[in-house]
Amino acid sequence: MKRLAILLSGRGSNFEAIAANITAGALDAQIAVVLSNRAAAPGIERARALGLHVAVIPSRGLDREAYDRLLHDEISKNGVDLVCLAGYMRLLSAGFVAHFAGRLLNIHPSLLPAFKGLNPQAQALAAGVKISGCTVHFVTEDLDGGPIIAQTAVPVCEGDTAQSLAARILRAEHALYPQALALVAEGRARLRDGRVNVLAPTS
């Protein structure tokens, strides 16, 4: 059973989806620690309500490398196998990303490599695409550019706003992230030559 660290900065709805799948037996994993750089993050309160181990490490006044060393230490002392970014709103240092290479996952609300960075839903609407979606990928130094593990397509509807499209994509995220995480936890999503190969389930 893989031990997870969940990093969040806000409401933590993807964290809740992961936790719910673990409780339901759909994901064979254990949340070892939920970390945040914001003490007031709603996701932290939800994690406490679920009885999970929580660590808040305020980031104010710390540069990226110094902060990530604290983050690394907290993750390491909890015996974590996989690190999941779930609405974590800080860029990670190169050293942190390198240390957890192949074990660090993120979800992004677009069909990468399209619409990287901030406000991808607004970017999608501005481009006039008819299909958007979400992507779970391994994290690399390339912003939103790591190897893709899984994707789900979401239609863009007539009259959509960035907010309505974001809400529709978020529902898809809640299903996709636990599924993609299960592929990694089961050893079925394997990195090779910068791409992810997904193996069929064993009978």
N, C-alpha and C. Protein backbone atom coordinates (compact mmCIF):
# COMPACT_ATOMS: atom_id res chain seq x y z
N MET A 1 0.84 -1.20 0.00
CA MET A 1 0.00 0.00 0.00
C MET A 1 0.88 1.25 0.00
N LYS A 2 0.64 2.13 -0.97
CA LYS A 2 1.44 3.34 -1.09
C LYS A 2 0.98 4.40 -0.08
N ARG A 3 1.95 5.09 0.49
CA ARG A 3 1.69 6.18 1.42
C ARG A 3 1.79 7.50 0.67
N LEU A 4 0.76 8.33 0.83
CA LEU A 4 0.63 9.56 0.05
C LEU A 4 0.86 10.79 0.90
N ALA A 5 1.48 11.80 0.29
CA ALA A 5 1.46 13.16 0.82
C ALA A 5 0.60 13.99 -0.13
N ILE A 6 -0.35 14.71 0.42
CA ILE A 6 -1.22 15.59 -0.38
C ILE A 6 -0.82 17.03 -0.07
N LEU A 7 -0.49 17.79 -1.11
CA LEU A 7 -0.14 19.20 -0.95
C LEU A 7 -1.27 20.05 -1.49
N LEU A 8 -1.77 20.97 -0.67
CA LEU A 8 -2.87 21.83 -1.11
C LEU A 8 -2.71 23.23 -0.54
N SER A 9 -3.36 24.18 -1.21
CA SER A 9 -3.33 25.57 -0.75
C SER A 9 -4.72 26.13 -0.54
N GLY A 10 -5.76 25.42 -0.98
CA GLY A 10 -7.11 25.96 -0.94
C GLY A 10 -8.13 24.97 -0.44
N ARG A 11 -9.21 24.83 -1.20
CA ARG A 11 -10.37 24.07 -0.73
C ARG A 11 -10.12 22.57 -0.66
N GLY A 12 -9.23 22.07 -1.50
CA GLY A 12 -8.85 20.67 -1.40
C GLY A 12 -9.89 19.69 -1.90
N SER A 13 -10.67 20.05 -2.92
CA SER A 13 -11.72 19.14 -3.39
C SER A 13 -11.13 17.90 -4.04
N ASN A 14 -9.99 18.02 -4.72
CA ASN A 14 -9.36 16.83 -5.28
C ASN A 14 -8.78 15.95 -4.18
N PHE A 15 -8.29 16.56 -3.12
CA PHE A 15 -7.87 15.77 -1.96
C PHE A 15 -9.05 14.97 -1.41
N GLU A 16 -10.21 15.61 -1.29
CA GLU A 16 -11.39 14.91 -0.78
C GLU A 16 -11.79 13.75 -1.69
N ALA A 17 -11.65 13.93 -3.00
CA ALA A 17 -11.97 12.85 -3.93
C ALA A 17 -11.02 11.67 -3.74
N ILE A 18 -9.75 11.96 -3.54
CA ILE A 18 -8.78 10.89 -3.28
C ILE A 18 -9.12 10.17 -1.98
N ALA A 19 -9.38 10.94 -0.94
CA ALA A 19 -9.71 10.35 0.36
C ALA A 19 -10.97 9.49 0.28
N ALA A 20 -11.98 9.95 -0.46
CA ALA A 20 -13.23 9.20 -0.59
C ALA A 20 -13.00 7.88 -1.32
N ASN A 21 -12.13 7.88 -2.34
CA ASN A 21 -11.83 6.65 -3.06
C ASN A 21 -11.06 5.66 -2.20
N ILE A 22 -10.20 6.16 -1.33
CA ILE A 22 -9.50 5.28 -0.40
C ILE A 22 -10.49 4.64 0.56
N THR A 23 -11.38 5.46 1.12
CA THR A 23 -12.39 4.96 2.06
C THR A 23 -13.29 3.91 1.40
N ALA A 24 -13.62 4.13 0.13
CA ALA A 24 -14.51 3.21 -0.59
C ALA A 24 -13.80 1.95 -1.06
N GLY A 25 -12.49 1.89 -0.91
CA GLY A 25 -11.74 0.72 -1.35
C GLY A 25 -11.38 0.73 -2.82
N ALA A 26 -11.63 1.85 -3.50
CA ALA A 26 -11.32 1.94 -4.92
C ALA A 26 -9.86 2.29 -5.18
N LEU A 27 -9.18 2.78 -4.16
CA LEU A 27 -7.77 3.16 -4.26
C LEU A 27 -7.02 2.56 -3.08
N ASP A 28 -6.08 1.68 -3.37
CA ASP A 28 -5.32 1.00 -2.33
C ASP A 28 -4.13 1.87 -1.93
N ALA A 29 -4.39 2.83 -1.06
CA ALA A 29 -3.35 3.77 -0.62
C ALA A 29 -3.73 4.30 0.75
N GLN A 30 -2.79 4.99 1.36
CA GLN A 30 -3.00 5.59 2.67
C GLN A 30 -2.48 7.02 2.63
N ILE A 31 -3.26 7.96 3.12
CA ILE A 31 -2.81 9.35 3.19
C ILE A 31 -1.97 9.51 4.46
N ALA A 32 -0.66 9.67 4.28
CA ALA A 32 0.25 9.77 5.41
C ALA A 32 0.27 11.18 6.00
N VAL A 33 0.12 12.19 5.14
CA VAL A 33 0.15 13.57 5.62
C VAL A 33 -0.51 14.47 4.58
N VAL A 34 -1.22 15.47 5.07
CA VAL A 34 -1.78 16.53 4.23
C VAL A 34 -1.05 17.81 4.60
N LEU A 35 -0.41 18.44 3.63
CA LEU A 35 0.43 19.61 3.87
C LEU A 35 -0.13 20.83 3.17
N SER A 36 0.06 21.99 3.79
CA SER A 36 -0.35 23.24 3.16
C SER A 36 0.59 24.36 3.56
N ASN A 37 0.71 25.32 2.68
CA ASN A 37 1.45 26.54 2.99
C ASN A 37 0.52 27.60 3.58
N ARG A 38 -0.77 27.29 3.69
CA ARG A 38 -1.75 28.25 4.20
C ARG A 38 -2.54 27.63 5.35
N ALA A 39 -2.41 28.21 6.53
CA ALA A 39 -3.08 27.66 7.71
C ALA A 39 -4.60 27.71 7.56
N ALA A 40 -5.10 28.70 6.81
CA ALA A 40 -6.55 28.86 6.67
C ALA A 40 -7.13 28.09 5.49
N ALA A 41 -6.35 27.27 4.84
CA ALA A 41 -6.86 26.51 3.69
C ALA A 41 -8.01 25.61 4.13
N PRO A 42 -9.18 25.70 3.50
CA PRO A 42 -10.30 24.84 3.88
C PRO A 42 -9.98 23.35 3.81
N GLY A 43 -9.11 22.97 2.88
CA GLY A 43 -8.74 21.56 2.77
C GLY A 43 -8.06 21.02 4.01
N ILE A 44 -7.34 21.89 4.72
CA ILE A 44 -6.68 21.48 5.96
C ILE A 44 -7.72 21.16 7.04
N GLU A 45 -8.73 21.98 7.13
CA GLU A 45 -9.80 21.73 8.11
C GLU A 45 -10.53 20.43 7.79
N ARG A 46 -10.74 20.16 6.49
CA ARG A 46 -11.40 18.92 6.10
C ARG A 46 -10.53 17.72 6.45
N ALA A 47 -9.22 17.85 6.25
CA ALA A 47 -8.31 16.76 6.59
C ALA A 47 -8.32 16.49 8.10
N ARG A 48 -8.35 17.53 8.88
CA ARG A 48 -8.43 17.36 10.34
C ARG A 48 -9.73 16.66 10.73
N ALA A 49 -10.82 17.04 10.07
CA ALA A 49 -12.11 16.42 10.37
C ALA A 49 -12.11 14.94 10.04
N LEU A 50 -11.30 14.55 9.07
CA LEU A 50 -11.20 13.13 8.70
C LEU A 50 -10.21 12.38 9.58
N GLY A 51 -9.58 13.09 10.51
CA GLY A 51 -8.63 12.45 11.41
C GLY A 51 -7.27 12.18 10.79
N LEU A 52 -6.94 12.89 9.73
CA LEU A 52 -5.66 12.68 9.05
C LEU A 52 -4.56 13.54 9.67
N HIS A 53 -3.34 13.10 9.50
CA HIS A 53 -2.19 13.88 9.97
C HIS A 53 -2.02 15.10 9.08
N VAL A 54 -1.90 16.26 9.69
CA VAL A 54 -1.83 17.54 8.97
C VAL A 54 -0.56 18.27 9.37
N ALA A 55 0.07 18.92 8.41
CA ALA A 55 1.21 19.79 8.69
C ALA A 55 1.05 21.08 7.90
N VAL A 56 1.08 22.20 8.59
CA VAL A 56 1.03 23.52 7.94
C VAL A 56 2.42 24.14 8.06
N ILE A 57 2.99 24.48 6.93
CA ILE A 57 4.31 25.12 6.90
C ILE A 57 4.14 26.46 6.21
N PRO A 58 3.99 27.56 6.96
CA PRO A 58 3.79 28.87 6.33
C PRO A 58 4.97 29.23 5.44
N SER A 59 4.65 29.79 4.29
CA SER A 59 5.70 30.09 3.30
C SER A 59 6.14 31.55 3.32
N ARG A 60 5.44 32.39 4.05
CA ARG A 60 5.76 33.82 4.04
C ARG A 60 7.20 34.05 4.51
N GLY A 61 7.94 34.82 3.71
CA GLY A 61 9.29 35.21 4.08
C GLY A 61 10.37 34.21 3.72
N LEU A 62 10.00 33.07 3.15
CA LEU A 62 10.97 32.05 2.78
C LEU A 62 11.13 31.99 1.26
N ASP A 63 12.37 31.85 0.80
CA ASP A 63 12.54 31.66 -0.64
C ASP A 63 12.16 30.22 -1.00
N ARG A 64 12.07 29.96 -2.29
CA ARG A 64 11.53 28.68 -2.74
C ARG A 64 12.38 27.50 -2.27
N GLU A 65 13.69 27.62 -2.37
CA GLU A 65 14.55 26.51 -1.99
C GLU A 65 14.48 26.23 -0.49
N ALA A 66 14.50 27.29 0.32
CA ALA A 66 14.44 27.11 1.78
C ALA A 66 13.11 26.50 2.18
N TYR A 67 12.04 26.97 1.58
CA TYR A 67 10.73 26.42 1.91
C TYR A 67 10.63 24.95 1.51
N ASP A 68 11.11 24.64 0.33
CA ASP A 68 10.99 23.26 -0.15
C ASP A 68 11.85 22.29 0.65
N ARG A 69 12.91 22.78 1.28
CA ARG A 69 13.68 21.91 2.17
C ARG A 69 12.83 21.52 3.38
N LEU A 70 12.07 22.47 3.92
CA LEU A 70 11.17 22.17 5.03
C LEU A 70 10.09 21.18 4.58
N LEU A 71 9.58 21.40 3.40
CA LEU A 71 8.55 20.53 2.85
C LEU A 71 9.10 19.11 2.66
N HIS A 72 10.29 19.03 2.10
CA HIS A 72 10.94 17.74 1.89
C HIS A 72 11.13 16.99 3.20
N ASP A 73 11.58 17.71 4.22
CA ASP A 73 11.81 17.07 5.52
C ASP A 73 10.52 16.50 6.11
N GLU A 74 9.43 17.25 5.99
CA GLU A 74 8.15 16.79 6.53
C GLU A 74 7.65 15.57 5.77
N ILE A 75 7.78 15.60 4.47
CA ILE A 75 7.36 14.46 3.66
C ILE A 75 8.20 13.23 3.99
N SER A 76 9.49 13.42 4.10
CA SER A 76 10.39 12.28 4.33
C SER A 76 10.14 11.62 5.68
N LYS A 77 9.89 12.41 6.70
CA LYS A 77 9.72 11.80 8.03
C LYS A 77 8.40 11.05 8.15
N ASN A 78 7.51 11.22 7.16
CA ASN A 78 6.24 10.50 7.17
C ASN A 78 6.26 9.27 6.25
N GLY A 79 7.43 8.91 5.75
CA GLY A 79 7.55 7.68 4.96
C GLY A 79 6.69 7.66 3.72
N VAL A 80 6.68 8.75 2.98
CA VAL A 80 5.78 8.91 1.83
C VAL A 80 6.37 8.26 0.58
N ASP A 81 5.50 7.60 -0.18
CA ASP A 81 5.88 7.00 -1.47
C ASP A 81 5.56 7.91 -2.65
N LEU A 82 4.38 8.55 -2.62
CA LEU A 82 3.93 9.39 -3.73
C LEU A 82 3.47 10.74 -3.19
N VAL A 83 3.77 11.80 -3.94
CA VAL A 83 3.38 13.16 -3.56
C VAL A 83 2.37 13.66 -4.58
N CYS A 84 1.20 14.09 -4.10
CA CYS A 84 0.11 14.52 -4.98
C CYS A 84 -0.18 16.00 -4.77
N LEU A 85 -0.04 16.79 -5.81
CA LEU A 85 -0.41 18.20 -5.75
C LEU A 85 -1.90 18.31 -6.04
N ALA A 86 -2.62 18.95 -5.12
CA ALA A 86 -4.07 19.07 -5.24
C ALA A 86 -4.47 20.52 -4.97
N GLY A 87 -4.25 21.36 -5.99
CA GLY A 87 -4.50 22.77 -5.79
C GLY A 87 -3.42 23.43 -4.97
N TYR A 88 -2.18 22.99 -5.16
CA TYR A 88 -1.04 23.58 -4.44
C TYR A 88 -0.51 24.72 -5.29
N MET A 89 -0.55 25.95 -4.73
CA MET A 89 -0.35 27.15 -5.53
C MET A 89 1.05 27.74 -5.39
N ARG A 90 2.04 26.89 -5.25
CA ARG A 90 3.43 27.35 -5.24
C ARG A 90 4.22 26.57 -6.28
N LEU A 91 5.12 27.27 -6.96
CA LEU A 91 6.04 26.59 -7.85
C LEU A 91 7.08 25.85 -7.01
N LEU A 92 7.42 24.65 -7.40
CA LEU A 92 8.38 23.84 -6.66
C LEU A 92 9.79 24.04 -7.21
N SER A 93 10.77 23.97 -6.32
CA SER A 93 12.16 24.17 -6.73
C SER A 93 12.64 22.97 -7.55
N ALA A 94 13.69 23.22 -8.32
CA ALA A 94 14.26 22.16 -9.16
C ALA A 94 14.75 20.99 -8.32
N GLY A 95 15.34 21.28 -7.17
CA GLY A 95 15.84 20.22 -6.32
C GLY A 95 14.73 19.33 -5.79
N PHE A 96 13.62 19.92 -5.39
CA PHE A 96 12.48 19.16 -4.89
C PHE A 96 11.91 18.27 -5.98
N VAL A 97 11.73 18.85 -7.16
CA VAL A 97 11.17 18.09 -8.29
C VAL A 97 12.09 16.94 -8.66
N ALA A 98 13.40 17.19 -8.67
CA ALA A 98 14.34 16.13 -9.03
C ALA A 98 14.33 15.00 -8.00
N HIS A 99 14.23 15.36 -6.73
CA HIS A 99 14.25 14.33 -5.69
C HIS A 99 13.06 13.39 -5.81
N PHE A 100 11.89 13.94 -6.14
CA PHE A 100 10.67 13.15 -6.21
C PHE A 100 10.29 12.77 -7.64
N ALA A 101 11.23 12.83 -8.55
CA ALA A 101 10.94 12.52 -9.96
C ALA A 101 10.31 11.13 -10.08
N GLY A 102 9.21 11.07 -10.83
CA GLY A 102 8.49 9.82 -11.01
C GLY A 102 7.57 9.46 -9.86
N ARG A 103 7.57 10.30 -8.82
CA ARG A 103 6.70 10.06 -7.66
C ARG A 103 5.87 11.29 -7.31
N LEU A 104 5.91 12.30 -8.17
CA LEU A 104 5.26 13.59 -7.92
C LEU A 104 4.22 13.83 -9.00
N LEU A 105 2.94 13.92 -8.60
CA LEU A 105 1.83 14.02 -9.54
C LEU A 105 1.09 15.34 -9.38
N ASN A 106 0.49 15.79 -10.47
CA ASN A 106 -0.33 17.00 -10.46
C ASN A 106 -1.52 16.80 -11.38
N ILE A 107 -2.59 17.56 -11.12
CA ILE A 107 -3.73 17.58 -12.03
C ILE A 107 -3.91 19.01 -12.53
N HIS A 108 -4.19 19.13 -13.84
CA HIS A 108 -4.32 20.45 -14.47
C HIS A 108 -5.62 20.48 -15.27
N PRO A 109 -6.39 21.58 -15.17
CA PRO A 109 -7.70 21.63 -15.83
C PRO A 109 -7.66 22.02 -17.31
N SER A 110 -6.91 21.26 -18.08
CA SER A 110 -6.95 21.37 -19.54
C SER A 110 -6.42 20.06 -20.10
N LEU A 111 -6.60 19.88 -21.40
CA LEU A 111 -6.01 18.73 -22.08
C LEU A 111 -4.59 19.13 -22.51
N LEU A 112 -3.65 18.93 -21.60
CA LEU A 112 -2.26 19.27 -21.91
C LEU A 112 -1.80 18.50 -23.15
N PRO A 113 -0.93 19.10 -23.96
CA PRO A 113 -0.15 20.30 -23.69
C PRO A 113 -0.85 21.63 -24.00
N ALA A 114 -2.14 21.61 -24.27
CA ALA A 114 -2.86 22.86 -24.52
C ALA A 114 -3.14 23.59 -23.21
N PHE A 115 -3.03 24.91 -23.25
CA PHE A 115 -3.48 25.80 -22.18
C PHE A 115 -2.79 25.52 -20.85
N LYS A 116 -1.48 25.64 -20.86
CA LYS A 116 -0.71 25.53 -19.63
C LYS A 116 -0.86 26.80 -18.80
N GLY A 117 -0.42 26.71 -17.55
CA GLY A 117 -0.36 27.89 -16.70
C GLY A 117 -1.69 28.28 -16.10
N LEU A 118 -1.82 29.57 -15.78
CA LEU A 118 -2.99 30.08 -15.08
C LEU A 118 -4.19 30.23 -16.00
N ASN A 119 -5.37 30.14 -15.42
CA ASN A 119 -6.65 30.39 -16.10
C ASN A 119 -6.81 29.59 -17.40
N PRO A 120 -6.57 28.28 -17.37
CA PRO A 120 -6.67 27.50 -18.60
C PRO A 120 -8.09 27.45 -19.16
N GLN A 121 -9.11 27.57 -18.30
CA GLN A 121 -10.48 27.55 -18.81
C GLN A 121 -10.75 28.80 -19.65
N ALA A 122 -10.29 29.95 -19.17
CA ALA A 122 -10.44 31.18 -19.96
C ALA A 122 -9.63 31.10 -21.24
N GLN A 123 -8.46 30.49 -21.17
CA GLN A 123 -7.66 30.30 -22.38
C GLN A 123 -8.41 29.44 -23.40
N ALA A 124 -9.05 28.39 -22.91
CA ALA A 124 -9.79 27.51 -23.82
C ALA A 124 -10.94 28.25 -24.49
N LEU A 125 -11.67 29.05 -23.72
CA LEU A 125 -12.78 29.80 -24.31
C LEU A 125 -12.27 30.83 -25.32
N ALA A 126 -11.17 31.49 -25.00
CA ALA A 126 -10.62 32.48 -25.92
C ALA A 126 -10.16 31.84 -27.23
N ALA A 127 -9.71 30.59 -27.16
CA ALA A 127 -9.25 29.89 -28.36
C ALA A 127 -10.40 29.32 -29.17
N GLY A 128 -11.59 29.26 -28.57
CA GLY A 128 -12.75 28.75 -29.29
C GLY A 128 -12.80 27.25 -29.44
N VAL A 129 -12.10 26.52 -28.58
CA VAL A 129 -12.11 25.06 -28.70
C VAL A 129 -13.48 24.51 -28.31
N LYS A 130 -13.81 23.35 -28.81
CA LYS A 130 -15.08 22.70 -28.51
C LYS A 130 -14.94 21.61 -27.44
N ILE A 131 -13.70 21.21 -27.19
CA ILE A 131 -13.42 20.19 -26.18
C ILE A 131 -12.30 20.70 -25.29
N SER A 132 -12.49 20.61 -23.99
CA SER A 132 -11.42 20.87 -23.03
C SER A 132 -11.29 19.62 -22.17
N GLY A 133 -10.87 19.77 -20.92
CA GLY A 133 -10.76 18.60 -20.06
C GLY A 133 -9.74 18.77 -18.97
N CYS A 134 -9.20 17.66 -18.51
CA CYS A 134 -8.21 17.69 -17.43
C CYS A 134 -7.17 16.61 -17.66
N THR A 135 -6.02 16.82 -17.04
CA THR A 135 -4.86 15.95 -17.25
C THR A 135 -4.17 15.69 -15.92
N VAL A 136 -3.85 14.43 -15.65
CA VAL A 136 -2.96 14.09 -14.54
C VAL A 136 -1.60 13.75 -15.14
N HIS A 137 -0.56 14.36 -14.59
CA HIS A 137 0.78 14.17 -15.16
C HIS A 137 1.83 14.11 -14.05
N PHE A 138 2.95 13.52 -14.37
CA PHE A 138 4.11 13.61 -13.50
C PHE A 138 4.68 15.02 -13.59
N VAL A 139 5.18 15.52 -12.47
CA VAL A 139 5.70 16.89 -12.43
C VAL A 139 7.18 16.88 -12.80
N THR A 140 7.53 17.80 -13.69
CA THR A 140 8.92 18.07 -14.04
C THR A 140 9.16 19.57 -13.89
N GLU A 141 10.37 20.01 -14.21
CA GLU A 141 10.67 21.43 -14.15
C GLU A 141 9.91 22.22 -15.21
N ASP A 142 9.43 21.55 -16.23
CA ASP A 142 8.65 22.20 -17.29
C ASP A 142 7.22 22.41 -16.78
N LEU A 143 6.82 23.64 -16.57
CA LEU A 143 5.51 23.95 -15.99
C LEU A 143 4.41 23.27 -16.78
N ASP A 144 3.61 22.43 -16.10
CA ASP A 144 2.50 21.71 -16.72
C ASP A 144 2.94 20.93 -17.96
N GLY A 145 4.21 20.49 -17.95
CA GLY A 145 4.73 19.84 -19.13
C GLY A 145 5.26 18.44 -18.90
N GLY A 146 5.02 17.88 -17.72
CA GLY A 146 5.54 16.55 -17.42
C GLY A 146 4.78 15.46 -18.15
N PRO A 147 5.31 14.24 -18.15
CA PRO A 147 4.68 13.12 -18.86
C PRO A 147 3.24 12.87 -18.41
N ILE A 148 2.36 12.70 -19.37
CA ILE A 148 0.92 12.56 -19.12
C ILE A 148 0.59 11.14 -18.70
N ILE A 149 -0.15 11.02 -17.60
CA ILE A 149 -0.59 9.72 -17.09
C ILE A 149 -1.99 9.39 -17.60
N ALA A 150 -2.90 10.36 -17.51
CA ALA A 150 -4.30 10.11 -17.92
C ALA A 150 -4.98 11.45 -18.21
N GLN A 151 -6.00 11.39 -19.07
CA GLN A 151 -6.76 12.59 -19.43
C GLN A 151 -8.24 12.24 -19.55
N THR A 152 -9.07 13.25 -19.33
CA THR A 152 -10.51 13.14 -19.57
C THR A 152 -10.97 14.36 -20.36
N ALA A 153 -11.73 14.13 -21.42
CA ALA A 153 -12.27 15.22 -22.22
C ALA A 153 -13.58 15.72 -21.64
N VAL A 154 -13.78 17.02 -21.73
CA VAL A 154 -15.00 17.68 -21.24
C VAL A 154 -15.49 18.63 -22.32
N PRO A 155 -16.77 18.57 -22.71
CA PRO A 155 -17.25 19.46 -23.77
C PRO A 155 -17.31 20.92 -23.31
N VAL A 156 -17.04 21.80 -24.26
CA VAL A 156 -17.25 23.23 -24.05
C VAL A 156 -18.62 23.55 -24.63
N CYS A 157 -19.51 24.10 -23.82
CA CYS A 157 -20.89 24.33 -24.23
C CYS A 157 -21.11 25.77 -24.66
N GLU A 158 -22.10 25.95 -25.52
CA GLU A 158 -22.48 27.30 -25.95
C GLU A 158 -22.87 28.12 -24.74
N GLY A 159 -22.32 29.31 -24.64
CA GLY A 159 -22.64 30.19 -23.52
C GLY A 159 -21.81 29.96 -22.28
N ASP A 160 -20.86 29.03 -22.34
CA ASP A 160 -20.00 28.78 -21.18
C ASP A 160 -19.24 30.04 -20.77
N THR A 161 -19.06 30.20 -19.48
CA THR A 161 -18.11 31.15 -18.94
C THR A 161 -16.92 30.36 -18.42
N ALA A 162 -15.86 31.06 -18.05
CA ALA A 162 -14.71 30.37 -17.46
C ALA A 162 -15.14 29.63 -16.20
N GLN A 163 -16.10 30.22 -15.46
CA GLN A 163 -16.54 29.61 -14.20
C GLN A 163 -17.38 28.36 -14.45
N SER A 164 -18.28 28.40 -15.41
CA SER A 164 -19.12 27.22 -15.67
C SER A 164 -18.29 26.09 -16.27
N LEU A 165 -17.34 26.43 -17.13
CA LEU A 165 -16.47 25.40 -17.70
C LEU A 165 -15.58 24.81 -16.61
N ALA A 166 -15.07 25.66 -15.72
CA ALA A 166 -14.22 25.18 -14.63
C ALA A 166 -14.97 24.21 -13.73
N ALA A 167 -16.24 24.51 -13.46
CA ALA A 167 -17.04 23.62 -12.60
C ALA A 167 -17.25 22.27 -13.26
N ARG A 168 -17.48 22.25 -14.57
CA ARG A 168 -17.68 20.99 -15.28
C ARG A 168 -16.37 20.18 -15.32
N ILE A 169 -15.26 20.87 -15.55
CA ILE A 169 -13.97 20.19 -15.56
C ILE A 169 -13.64 19.65 -14.17
N LEU A 170 -13.97 20.40 -13.12
CA LEU A 170 -13.65 19.97 -11.76
C LEU A 170 -14.33 18.64 -11.43
N ARG A 171 -15.56 18.47 -11.88
CA ARG A 171 -16.24 17.19 -11.64
C ARG A 171 -15.48 16.04 -12.30
N ALA A 172 -14.95 16.31 -13.50
CA ALA A 172 -14.15 15.28 -14.17
C ALA A 172 -12.84 15.03 -13.44
N GLU A 173 -12.24 16.08 -12.88
CA GLU A 173 -11.01 15.93 -12.11
C GLU A 173 -11.19 14.97 -10.94
N HIS A 174 -12.34 15.10 -10.26
CA HIS A 174 -12.58 14.28 -9.07
C HIS A 174 -12.63 12.78 -9.40
N ALA A 175 -13.03 12.47 -10.62
CA ALA A 175 -13.02 11.07 -11.04
C ALA A 175 -11.64 10.65 -11.56
N LEU A 176 -10.98 11.55 -12.31
CA LEU A 176 -9.74 11.19 -12.99
C LEU A 176 -8.56 11.04 -12.03
N TYR A 177 -8.42 11.95 -11.07
CA TYR A 177 -7.21 11.94 -10.23
C TYR A 177 -7.07 10.62 -9.47
N PRO A 178 -8.10 10.13 -8.78
CA PRO A 178 -7.94 8.84 -8.09
C PRO A 178 -7.65 7.69 -9.06
N GLN A 179 -8.25 7.72 -10.24
CA GLN A 179 -7.99 6.66 -11.22
C GLN A 179 -6.53 6.67 -11.68
N ALA A 180 -6.02 7.85 -11.97
CA ALA A 180 -4.63 7.97 -12.41
C ALA A 180 -3.67 7.60 -11.28
N LEU A 181 -4.02 8.02 -10.08
CA LEU A 181 -3.19 7.69 -8.92
C LEU A 181 -3.14 6.18 -8.70
N ALA A 182 -4.25 5.52 -8.92
CA ALA A 182 -4.29 4.06 -8.79
C ALA A 182 -3.36 3.40 -9.81
N LEU A 183 -3.31 3.91 -11.02
CA LEU A 183 -2.40 3.37 -12.03
C LEU A 183 -0.95 3.44 -11.57
N VAL A 184 -0.60 4.57 -10.95
CA VAL A 184 0.77 4.74 -10.47
C VAL A 184 1.02 3.86 -9.25
N ALA A 185 0.07 3.85 -8.32
CA ALA A 185 0.24 3.08 -7.08
C ALA A 185 0.34 1.59 -7.37
N GLU A 186 -0.36 1.12 -8.40
CA GLU A 186 -0.33 -0.31 -8.76
C GLU A 186 0.85 -0.67 -9.65
N GLY A 187 1.67 0.32 -10.01
CA GLY A 187 2.81 0.06 -10.88
C GLY A 187 2.45 -0.12 -12.33
N ARG A 188 1.25 0.30 -12.72
CA ARG A 188 0.81 0.12 -14.11
C ARG A 188 1.14 1.31 -14.99
N ALA A 189 1.41 2.47 -14.40
CA ALA A 189 1.82 3.65 -15.17
C ALA A 189 3.33 3.80 -15.02
N ARG A 190 4.05 3.49 -16.09
CA ARG A 190 5.51 3.42 -16.02
C ARG A 190 6.15 4.42 -16.96
N LEU A 191 7.10 5.16 -16.42
CA LEU A 191 7.83 6.14 -17.21
C LEU A 191 8.90 5.45 -18.06
N ARG A 192 8.93 5.81 -19.34
CA ARG A 192 9.96 5.29 -20.21
C ARG A 192 10.22 6.30 -21.32
N ASP A 193 11.46 6.74 -21.39
CA ASP A 193 11.87 7.71 -22.42
C ASP A 193 10.99 8.96 -22.40
N GLY A 194 10.66 9.43 -21.20
CA GLY A 194 9.90 10.66 -21.06
C GLY A 194 8.42 10.55 -21.34
N ARG A 195 7.91 9.32 -21.50
CA ARG A 195 6.48 9.10 -21.73
C ARG A 195 5.98 8.05 -20.75
N VAL A 196 4.67 8.03 -20.56
CA VAL A 196 4.07 7.06 -19.64
C VAL A 196 3.42 5.94 -20.44
N ASN A 197 3.83 4.73 -20.14
CA ASN A 197 3.17 3.54 -20.70
C ASN A 197 2.24 2.97 -19.63
N VAL A 198 0.99 2.72 -19.99
CA VAL A 198 0.02 2.16 -19.06
C VAL A 198 -0.18 0.70 -19.38
N LEU A 199 0.12 -0.15 -18.42
CA LEU A 199 -0.01 -1.58 -18.59
C LEU A 199 -1.43 -2.04 -18.30
N ALA A 200 -1.86 -3.06 -19.01
CA ALA A 200 -3.19 -3.64 -18.75
C ALA A 200 -3.21 -4.28 -17.37
N PRO A 201 -4.37 -4.30 -16.71
CA PRO A 201 -4.45 -4.94 -15.39
C PRO A 201 -4.19 -6.43 -15.49
N THR A 202 -3.54 -6.96 -14.46
CA THR A 202 -3.30 -8.40 -14.44
C THR A 202 -4.57 -9.10 -13.99
N SER A 203 -4.79 -10.29 -14.51
CA SER A 203 -6.02 -11.02 -14.20
C SER A 203 -5.89 -11.71 -12.85
